[in-house]
Amino acid sequence: MVKRLPYKRGFTNIFRKLYHIVNIEELNVLGQEQEVTPETLLKTALIPDLNRPVKVLGNGKLDRPLTVKANSFSRTAIDKIVAAGGKAETI
């Protein structure tokens, strides 16, 4: 049966969460001392819509202190935001 239907192999997790991914280096285009929310990310075209939650990853370097509000953060993203003098707040 598996040889006849190879596309039916594997497992699809129907409960997985899909996130809009934003890296730290992409937040440098925003203004100084600005509060970053999913709505501001939508206005600057860093995410396409608000249908999914936002996850901030720690790829890159942050130049300015920002208050970032998102649904999820990686550990390195939190460390880099705090090191730049900002705050990471979970929605």
N, C-alpha and C. Protein backbone atom coordinates (compact mmCIF):
# COMPACT_ATOMS: atom_id res chain seq x y z
N MET A 1 0.81 -1.19 0.00
CA MET A 1 0.00 0.00 0.00
C MET A 1 0.87 1.28 0.00
N VAL A 2 1.96 1.29 0.76
CA VAL A 2 2.82 2.46 0.84
C VAL A 2 3.52 2.71 -0.48
N LYS A 3 3.90 1.66 -1.16
CA LYS A 3 4.58 1.81 -2.45
C LYS A 3 3.64 2.34 -3.52
N ARG A 4 2.37 2.04 -3.41
CA ARG A 4 1.41 2.51 -4.39
C ARG A 4 0.98 3.96 -4.14
N LEU A 5 1.04 4.40 -2.90
CA LEU A 5 0.62 5.75 -2.54
C LEU A 5 1.73 6.45 -1.77
N PRO A 6 2.85 6.80 -2.43
CA PRO A 6 3.97 7.39 -1.69
C PRO A 6 3.68 8.78 -1.14
N TYR A 7 2.73 9.49 -1.71
CA TYR A 7 2.42 10.83 -1.23
C TYR A 7 1.64 10.80 0.09
N LYS A 8 1.18 9.63 0.51
CA LYS A 8 0.43 9.51 1.76
C LYS A 8 1.32 9.20 2.95
N ARG A 9 2.64 9.17 2.75
CA ARG A 9 3.55 8.86 3.84
C ARG A 9 3.68 10.01 4.80
N GLY A 10 4.10 9.69 6.02
CA GLY A 10 4.43 10.72 6.97
C GLY A 10 3.25 11.17 7.80
N PHE A 11 3.48 12.20 8.54
CA PHE A 11 2.52 12.72 9.49
C PHE A 11 2.44 14.23 9.33
N THR A 12 1.25 14.77 9.29
CA THR A 12 1.04 16.20 9.24
C THR A 12 0.41 16.64 10.55
N ASN A 13 1.11 17.47 11.28
CA ASN A 13 0.61 17.95 12.55
C ASN A 13 -0.40 19.06 12.29
N ILE A 14 -1.66 18.81 12.61
CA ILE A 14 -2.70 19.80 12.36
C ILE A 14 -2.76 20.85 13.46
N PHE A 15 -2.00 20.66 14.56
CA PHE A 15 -2.02 21.58 15.68
C PHE A 15 -0.80 22.49 15.72
N ARG A 16 0.08 22.45 14.72
CA ARG A 16 1.28 23.28 14.76
C ARG A 16 0.91 24.74 14.56
N LYS A 17 1.73 25.62 15.14
CA LYS A 17 1.50 27.04 15.01
C LYS A 17 2.41 27.60 13.93
N LEU A 18 1.85 28.37 13.05
CA LEU A 18 2.61 29.05 12.01
C LEU A 18 2.77 30.51 12.42
N TYR A 19 4.00 31.01 12.36
CA TYR A 19 4.32 32.36 12.78
C TYR A 19 4.79 33.19 11.59
N HIS A 20 4.61 34.51 11.70
CA HIS A 20 5.32 35.44 10.83
C HIS A 20 6.66 35.69 11.52
N ILE A 21 7.75 35.48 10.81
CA ILE A 21 9.09 35.58 11.37
C ILE A 21 9.66 36.97 11.06
N VAL A 22 10.20 37.61 12.11
CA VAL A 22 10.87 38.90 11.97
C VAL A 22 12.21 38.78 12.67
N ASN A 23 13.29 39.10 11.98
CA ASN A 23 14.62 39.07 12.57
C ASN A 23 14.95 40.43 13.20
N ILE A 24 15.88 40.40 14.15
CA ILE A 24 16.30 41.60 14.86
C ILE A 24 16.83 42.66 13.89
N GLU A 25 17.60 42.25 12.89
CA GLU A 25 18.20 43.21 11.96
C GLU A 25 17.15 43.97 11.16
N GLU A 26 15.96 43.41 10.98
CA GLU A 26 14.90 44.08 10.25
C GLU A 26 14.26 45.20 11.07
N LEU A 27 14.43 45.17 12.39
CA LEU A 27 13.85 46.20 13.26
C LEU A 27 14.66 47.49 13.25
N ASN A 28 15.84 47.49 12.64
CA ASN A 28 16.67 48.69 12.59
C ASN A 28 16.09 49.78 11.70
N VAL A 29 15.14 49.46 10.82
CA VAL A 29 14.55 50.48 9.96
C VAL A 29 13.55 51.33 10.72
N LEU A 30 13.12 50.89 11.90
CA LEU A 30 12.15 51.64 12.69
C LEU A 30 12.84 52.77 13.44
N GLY A 31 12.06 53.75 13.87
CA GLY A 31 12.60 54.93 14.52
C GLY A 31 13.15 54.67 15.91
N GLN A 32 13.89 55.63 16.42
CA GLN A 32 14.50 55.56 17.75
C GLN A 32 13.41 55.63 18.82
N GLU A 33 13.56 54.83 19.87
CA GLU A 33 12.66 54.84 21.03
C GLU A 33 11.21 54.55 20.63
N GLN A 34 11.01 53.80 19.58
CA GLN A 34 9.66 53.51 19.12
C GLN A 34 9.18 52.19 19.71
N GLU A 35 7.88 52.09 19.97
CA GLU A 35 7.30 50.83 20.43
C GLU A 35 6.92 50.00 19.21
N VAL A 36 7.41 48.79 19.16
CA VAL A 36 7.19 47.92 18.01
C VAL A 36 6.10 46.92 18.36
N THR A 37 4.99 46.99 17.64
CA THR A 37 3.87 46.06 17.80
C THR A 37 3.61 45.40 16.44
N PRO A 38 2.77 44.38 16.40
CA PRO A 38 2.44 43.79 15.10
C PRO A 38 1.80 44.78 14.13
N GLU A 39 1.09 45.77 14.66
CA GLU A 39 0.48 46.78 13.78
C GLU A 39 1.54 47.66 13.12
N THR A 40 2.59 48.03 13.87
CA THR A 40 3.66 48.83 13.26
C THR A 40 4.48 47.99 12.28
N LEU A 41 4.61 46.70 12.55
CA LEU A 41 5.30 45.82 11.60
C LEU A 41 4.51 45.69 10.31
N LEU A 42 3.19 45.70 10.42
CA LEU A 42 2.34 45.64 9.23
C LEU A 42 2.44 46.93 8.42
N LYS A 43 2.51 48.08 9.10
CA LYS A 43 2.61 49.36 8.40
C LYS A 43 3.94 49.51 7.66
N THR A 44 5.01 48.93 8.21
CA THR A 44 6.32 49.01 7.56
C THR A 44 6.58 47.84 6.63
N ALA A 45 5.58 46.99 6.40
CA ALA A 45 5.62 45.86 5.46
C ALA A 45 6.65 44.80 5.87
N LEU A 46 6.88 44.63 7.16
CA LEU A 46 7.75 43.54 7.62
C LEU A 46 6.98 42.24 7.77
N ILE A 47 5.66 42.33 7.94
CA ILE A 47 4.79 41.15 7.91
C ILE A 47 3.66 41.43 6.94
N PRO A 48 3.12 40.40 6.28
CA PRO A 48 2.10 40.65 5.26
C PRO A 48 0.69 40.90 5.81
N ASP A 49 0.36 40.31 6.99
CA ASP A 49 -0.98 40.49 7.55
C ASP A 49 -0.94 40.18 9.04
N LEU A 50 -2.08 40.33 9.70
CA LEU A 50 -2.17 40.08 11.14
C LEU A 50 -2.88 38.77 11.46
N ASN A 51 -2.98 37.88 10.48
CA ASN A 51 -3.69 36.62 10.69
C ASN A 51 -2.90 35.62 11.53
N ARG A 52 -1.58 35.71 11.51
CA ARG A 52 -0.73 34.81 12.27
C ARG A 52 -0.03 35.56 13.38
N PRO A 53 0.39 34.86 14.44
CA PRO A 53 1.19 35.52 15.47
C PRO A 53 2.59 35.83 14.97
N VAL A 54 3.27 36.76 15.65
CA VAL A 54 4.59 37.23 15.24
C VAL A 54 5.64 36.64 16.17
N LYS A 55 6.72 36.12 15.59
CA LYS A 55 7.84 35.62 16.37
C LYS A 55 9.09 36.39 15.96
N VAL A 56 9.83 36.88 16.96
CA VAL A 56 11.04 37.65 16.72
C VAL A 56 12.23 36.74 16.96
N LEU A 57 13.10 36.64 15.96
CA LEU A 57 14.30 35.82 16.05
C LEU A 57 15.53 36.70 16.18
N GLY A 58 16.62 36.14 16.69
CA GLY A 58 17.80 36.92 17.02
C GLY A 58 18.86 36.97 15.95
N ASN A 59 18.50 36.96 14.69
CA ASN A 59 19.48 37.02 13.61
C ASN A 59 19.82 38.48 13.33
N GLY A 60 21.06 38.85 13.47
CA GLY A 60 21.50 40.21 13.20
C GLY A 60 21.84 40.96 14.47
N LYS A 61 21.91 42.29 14.34
CA LYS A 61 22.32 43.15 15.45
C LYS A 61 21.33 44.31 15.54
N LEU A 62 20.96 44.68 16.75
CA LEU A 62 20.05 45.78 16.98
C LEU A 62 20.85 47.01 17.40
N ASP A 63 20.63 48.14 16.72
CA ASP A 63 21.42 49.35 16.94
C ASP A 63 20.81 50.31 17.96
N ARG A 64 19.52 50.24 18.18
CA ARG A 64 18.84 51.23 19.01
C ARG A 64 17.94 50.54 20.04
N PRO A 65 17.66 51.21 21.15
CA PRO A 65 16.76 50.62 22.15
C PRO A 65 15.30 50.70 21.69
N LEU A 66 14.63 49.58 21.65
CA LEU A 66 13.24 49.51 21.23
C LEU A 66 12.44 48.71 22.25
N THR A 67 11.17 49.03 22.38
CA THR A 67 10.24 48.21 23.14
C THR A 67 9.50 47.35 22.14
N VAL A 68 9.76 46.05 22.16
CA VAL A 68 9.20 45.14 21.16
C VAL A 68 8.11 44.31 21.81
N LYS A 69 6.92 44.34 21.23
CA LYS A 69 5.79 43.53 21.70
C LYS A 69 5.45 42.54 20.60
N ALA A 70 5.57 41.25 20.92
CA ALA A 70 5.27 40.21 19.94
C ALA A 70 4.70 39.01 20.68
N ASN A 71 4.24 38.03 19.92
CA ASN A 71 3.65 36.84 20.51
C ASN A 71 4.68 35.88 21.04
N SER A 72 5.86 35.85 20.42
CA SER A 72 6.91 34.92 20.84
C SER A 72 8.27 35.49 20.50
N PHE A 73 9.27 35.11 21.29
CA PHE A 73 10.65 35.55 21.09
C PHE A 73 11.57 34.34 21.22
N SER A 74 12.69 34.38 20.51
CA SER A 74 13.74 33.40 20.77
C SER A 74 14.60 33.94 21.90
N ARG A 75 15.36 33.08 22.54
CA ARG A 75 16.20 33.49 23.67
C ARG A 75 17.25 34.50 23.23
N THR A 76 17.85 34.30 22.06
CA THR A 76 18.87 35.23 21.59
C THR A 76 18.26 36.58 21.23
N ALA A 77 17.01 36.60 20.76
CA ALA A 77 16.36 37.87 20.45
C ALA A 77 16.13 38.67 21.73
N ILE A 78 15.70 38.03 22.79
CA ILE A 78 15.49 38.72 24.06
C ILE A 78 16.81 39.28 24.57
N ASP A 79 17.87 38.48 24.49
CA ASP A 79 19.18 38.93 24.97
C ASP A 79 19.68 40.14 24.19
N LYS A 80 19.50 40.14 22.87
CA LYS A 80 19.98 41.25 22.05
C LYS A 80 19.14 42.51 22.24
N ILE A 81 17.84 42.37 22.46
CA ILE A 81 16.99 43.53 22.69
C ILE A 81 17.34 44.19 24.02
N VAL A 82 17.54 43.37 25.05
CA VAL A 82 17.91 43.90 26.36
C VAL A 82 19.31 44.50 26.34
N ALA A 83 20.24 43.90 25.60
CA ALA A 83 21.60 44.43 25.51
C ALA A 83 21.63 45.79 24.81
N ALA A 84 20.68 46.03 23.90
CA ALA A 84 20.62 47.32 23.21
C ALA A 84 19.91 48.38 24.05
N GLY A 85 19.35 47.97 25.21
CA GLY A 85 18.69 48.93 26.08
C GLY A 85 17.18 48.95 25.95
N GLY A 86 16.60 47.98 25.26
CA GLY A 86 15.16 47.93 25.06
C GLY A 86 14.49 46.91 25.94
N LYS A 87 13.21 46.66 25.65
CA LYS A 87 12.43 45.68 26.39
C LYS A 87 11.72 44.76 25.41
N ALA A 88 11.60 43.48 25.80
CA ALA A 88 10.86 42.50 25.02
C ALA A 88 9.63 42.09 25.83
N GLU A 89 8.45 42.37 25.31
CA GLU A 89 7.21 42.06 26.02
C GLU A 89 6.38 41.08 25.18
N THR A 90 5.90 40.04 25.84
CA THR A 90 5.07 39.05 25.18
C THR A 90 3.61 39.49 25.25
N ILE A 91 2.93 39.43 24.12
CA ILE A 91 1.51 39.81 24.05
C ILE A 91 0.69 38.66 24.58
